[in-house]
C-alpha atoms as a PDB file:
ATOM      1  CA  MET A   1       2.096   5.808 -11.222  1.00  0.00           C
ATOM      2  CA  LEU A   2       2.999   3.206  -8.629  1.00  0.00           C
ATOM      3  CA  LYS A   3       5.193   4.197  -5.721  1.00  0.00           C
ATOM      4  CA  SER A   4       7.876   1.838  -4.401  1.00  0.00           C
ATOM      5  CA  GLY A   5       8.476   1.122  -0.731  1.00  0.00           C
ATOM      6  CA  HIS A   6      11.681   3.151  -0.949  1.00  0.00           C
ATOM      7  CA  ASP A   7       9.716   6.106  -2.351  1.00  0.00           C
ATOM      8  CA  PHE A   8       7.193   5.779   0.487  1.00  0.00           C
ATOM      9  CA  LEU A   9       9.897   5.804   3.180  1.00  0.00           C
ATOM     10  CA  LYS A  10      11.676   8.695   1.468  1.00  0.00           C
ATOM     11  CA  GLY A  11       8.368  10.590   1.425  1.00  0.00           C
ATOM     12  CA  LEU A  12       8.157  10.295   5.215  1.00  0.00           C
ATOM     13  CA  ARG A  13      11.309  12.405   5.389  1.00  0.00           C
ATOM     14  CA  ASP A  14       9.698  15.473   3.819  1.00  0.00           C
ATOM     15  CA  GLY A  15      10.113  17.850   6.742  1.00  0.00           C
ATOM     16  CA  ARG A  16       6.803  17.093   8.446  1.00  0.00           C
ATOM     17  CA  ARG A  17       6.672  17.608  12.193  1.00  0.00           C
ATOM     18  CA  VAL A  18       5.650  14.643  14.293  1.00  0.00           C
ATOM     19  CA  TYR A  19       5.741  14.661  18.088  1.00  0.00           C
ATOM     20  CA  VAL A  20       5.549  11.746  20.494  1.00  0.00           C
ATOM     21  CA  GLY A  21       5.306  12.557  24.180  1.00  0.00           C
ATOM     22  CA  GLY A  22       6.277  16.168  23.534  1.00  0.00           C
ATOM     23  CA  GLU A  23       9.462  15.163  21.712  1.00  0.00           C
ATOM     24  CA  GLN A  24       9.897  15.753  17.983  1.00  0.00           C
ATOM     25  CA  VAL A  25      10.526  12.645  15.885  1.00  0.00           C
ATOM     26  CA  GLU A  26      13.385  13.336  13.468  1.00  0.00           C
ATOM     27  CA  ASP A  27      13.006  10.223  11.298  1.00  0.00           C
ATOM     28  CA  ILE A  28       9.600   8.535  11.341  1.00  0.00           C
ATOM     29  CA  ALA A  29      10.848   5.455   9.493  1.00  0.00           C
ATOM     30  CA  ALA A  30      13.591   4.874  12.103  1.00  0.00           C
ATOM     31  CA  HIS A  31      11.635   5.746  15.269  1.00  0.00           C
ATOM     32  CA  PRO A  32      10.904   2.642  17.402  1.00  0.00           C
ATOM     33  CA  GLY A  33       7.211   3.525  17.614  1.00  0.00           C
ATOM     34  CA  PHE A  34       6.765   3.863  13.861  1.00  0.00           C
ATOM     35  CA  ARG A  35       9.426   1.805  12.093  1.00  0.00           C
ATOM     36  CA  GLY A  36       7.481  -1.469  12.181  1.00  0.00           C
ATOM     37  CA  GLY A  37       4.397   0.108  10.627  1.00  0.00           C
ATOM     38  CA  ALA A  38       6.463   2.121   8.143  1.00  0.00           C
ATOM     39  CA  ALA A  39       8.320  -1.037   7.070  1.00  0.00           C
ATOM     40  CA  SER A  40       5.020  -2.903   6.656  1.00  0.00           C
ATOM     41  CA  LEU A  41       3.552  -0.154   4.509  1.00  0.00           C
ATOM     42  CA  ALA A  42       6.758   0.003   2.446  1.00  0.00           C
ATOM     43  CA  ALA A  43       6.499  -3.764   1.893  1.00  0.00           C
ATOM     44  CA  LEU A  44       2.907  -3.332   0.712  1.00  0.00           C
ATOM     45  CA  TYR A  45       4.011  -0.667  -1.780  1.00  0.00           C
ATOM     46  CA  ASP A  46       6.745  -3.008  -3.060  1.00  0.00           C
ATOM     47  CA  TRP A  47       4.281  -5.895  -3.264  1.00  0.00           C
ATOM     48  CA  LYS A  48       1.838  -3.780  -5.246  1.00  0.00           C
ATOM     49  CA  ALA A  49       4.626  -2.677  -7.613  1.00  0.00           C
ATOM     50  CA  ASP A  50       5.759  -6.268  -8.215  1.00  0.00           C
ATOM     51  CA  PRO A  51       5.109  -7.139 -11.894  1.00  0.00           C
ATOM     52  CA  ALA A  52       3.879 -10.584 -10.798  1.00  0.00           C
ATOM     53  CA  GLN A  53       0.942  -8.867  -9.050  1.00  0.00           C
ATOM     54  CA  ARG A  54      -0.143  -6.887 -12.126  1.00  0.00           C
ATOM     55  CA  GLY A  55      -3.809  -7.459 -12.773  1.00  0.00           C
ATOM     56  CA  LEU A  56      -4.477  -8.283  -9.137  1.00  0.00           C
ATOM     57  CA  LEU A  57      -2.970  -5.324  -7.270  1.00  0.00           C
ATOM     58  CA  SER A  58      -2.240  -2.930 -10.131  1.00  0.00           C
ATOM     59  CA  PHE A  59      -3.325  -2.212 -13.687  1.00  0.00           C
ATOM     60  CA  THR A  60      -1.819  -0.459 -16.688  1.00  0.00           C
ATOM     61  CA  GLU A  61      -3.544   2.437 -18.414  1.00  0.00           C
ATOM     62  CA  ASP A  62      -2.024   4.712 -21.055  1.00  0.00           C
ATOM     63  CA  GLY A  63       1.389   3.153 -20.433  1.00  0.00           C
ATOM     64  CA  ASP A  64       1.484   3.828 -16.670  1.00  0.00           C
ATOM     65  CA  ASP A  65       0.831   1.442 -13.774  1.00  0.00           C
ATOM     66  CA  TYR A  66      -1.727   2.362 -11.106  1.00  0.00           C
ATOM     67  CA  SER A  67      -3.066   0.821  -7.919  1.00  0.00           C
ATOM     68  CA  MET A  68      -6.304  -1.132  -8.283  1.00  0.00           C
ATOM     69  CA  TRP A  69      -7.830   1.376  -5.865  1.00  0.00           C
ATOM     70  CA  PHE A  70      -8.005   3.773  -8.805  1.00  0.00           C
ATOM     71  CA  LEU A  71      -9.606   1.328 -11.257  1.00  0.00           C
ATOM     72  CA  ARG A  72     -12.847   2.698 -12.668  1.00  0.00           C
ATOM     73  CA  PRO A  73     -15.471   0.466 -14.260  1.00  0.00           C
ATOM     74  CA  HIS A  74     -15.315   1.025 -18.012  1.00  0.00           C
ATOM     75  CA  ARG A  75     -18.940   0.071 -18.576  1.00  0.00           C
ATOM     76  CA  ALA A  76     -21.912   1.382 -16.646  1.00  0.00           C
ATOM     77  CA  GLN A  77     -23.422  -2.097 -16.414  1.00  0.00           C
ATOM     78  CA  LEU A  78     -20.478  -3.253 -14.270  1.00  0.00           C
ATOM     79  CA  LEU A  79     -21.569  -0.908 -11.515  1.00  0.00           C
ATOM     80  CA  GLY A  80     -23.595  -2.829  -8.984  1.00  0.00           C
ATOM     81  CA  MET A  81     -23.434  -6.185 -10.766  1.00  0.00           C
ATOM     82  CA  PRO A  82     -23.043  -8.836  -8.092  1.00  0.00           C
ATOM     83  CA  ARG A  83     -20.506 -10.824 -10.116  1.00  0.00           C
ATOM     84  CA  SER A  84     -18.790  -8.122 -12.116  1.00  0.00           C
ATOM     85  CA  PRO A  85     -15.113  -8.676 -13.006  1.00  0.00           C
ATOM     86  CA  ASP A  86     -14.112  -5.664 -10.897  1.00  0.00           C
ATOM     87  CA  ARG A  87     -15.842  -7.059  -7.812  1.00  0.00           C
ATOM     88  CA  TYR A  88     -14.265 -10.445  -8.436  1.00  0.00           C
ATOM     89  CA  ARG A  89     -10.802  -8.853  -8.653  1.00  0.00           C
ATOM     90  CA  LYS A  90     -11.367  -6.842  -5.472  1.00  0.00           C
ATOM     91  CA  ARG A  91     -12.540  -9.928  -3.574  1.00  0.00           C
ATOM     92  CA  LYS A  92      -9.553 -11.941  -4.849  1.00  0.00           C
ATOM     93  CA  ARG A  93      -7.171  -9.086  -3.943  1.00  0.00           C
ATOM     94  CA  ARG A  94      -8.558  -8.881  -0.383  1.00  0.00           C
ATOM     95  CA  LYS A  95      -8.219 -12.637   0.055  1.00  0.00           C
ATOM     96  CA  HIS A  96      -4.686 -12.565  -1.379  1.00  0.00           C
ATOM     97  CA  GLY A  97      -3.727  -9.643   0.893  1.00  0.00           C
ATOM     98  CA  ALA A  98      -5.131 -11.333   3.977  1.00  0.00           C
ATOM     99  CA  SER A  99      -2.596 -14.121   3.556  1.00  0.00           C
ATOM    100  CA  ARG A 100       0.357 -11.707   4.014  1.00  0.00           C
ATOM    101  CA  PRO A 101       1.669 -11.003   7.516  1.00  0.00           C
ATOM    102  CA  VAL A 102       1.689  -7.291   8.357  1.00  0.00           C
ATOM    103  CA  GLN A 103       3.839  -5.709  11.067  1.00  0.00           C
ATOM    104  CA  GLN A 104       1.771  -3.405  13.255  1.00  0.00           C
ATOM    105  CA  SER A 105       2.953   0.023  14.300  1.00  0.00           C
ATOM    106  CA  GLY A 106       4.831   0.010  17.568  1.00  0.00           C
ATOM    107  CA  HIS A 107       5.606  -3.720  17.413  1.00  0.00           C
ATOM    108  CA  ASP A 108       9.034  -4.027  15.865  1.00  0.00           C
ATOM    109  CA  SER A 109      10.080  -7.632  15.473  1.00  0.00           C
ATOM    110  CA  LYS A 110      13.754  -6.572  15.748  1.00  0.00           C
ATOM    111  CA  ASP A 111      13.320  -5.474  19.381  1.00  0.00           C
END
C-alpha cells in the first residue's frame, strides 16, 4: 500500500528519540535541520502516490498500489535480460526522478 507524504510526516511523530547537539528534537518534521529533507521525502511519497505516475513509480497488484521498488519479475526470463521491461521501467523512472528538484536536509529554502 502506498504511503502519502502526510502519512510519512505523521510517522515521524511516533515517539522516537532524536538528539542534535545533546538536545532532544521534539518534532523532526519542524526542526530546522530536518524539515527541508522531511518535506522533500514527503513530496516524493506524494509524487509516487499520484495516479498519473502509476506504471512508472507504482503498480497495482491484487487491488492495492505498491511502490515499483517492490515489483518482482513475473517470468524468470526477465531476470538478467538487458532490455527487459522491468529494466526499461527502472531506467525511465530514474531519468524521470532526476528531473525533479529535491530539497536537501539542513537546507530549508524558507530560511
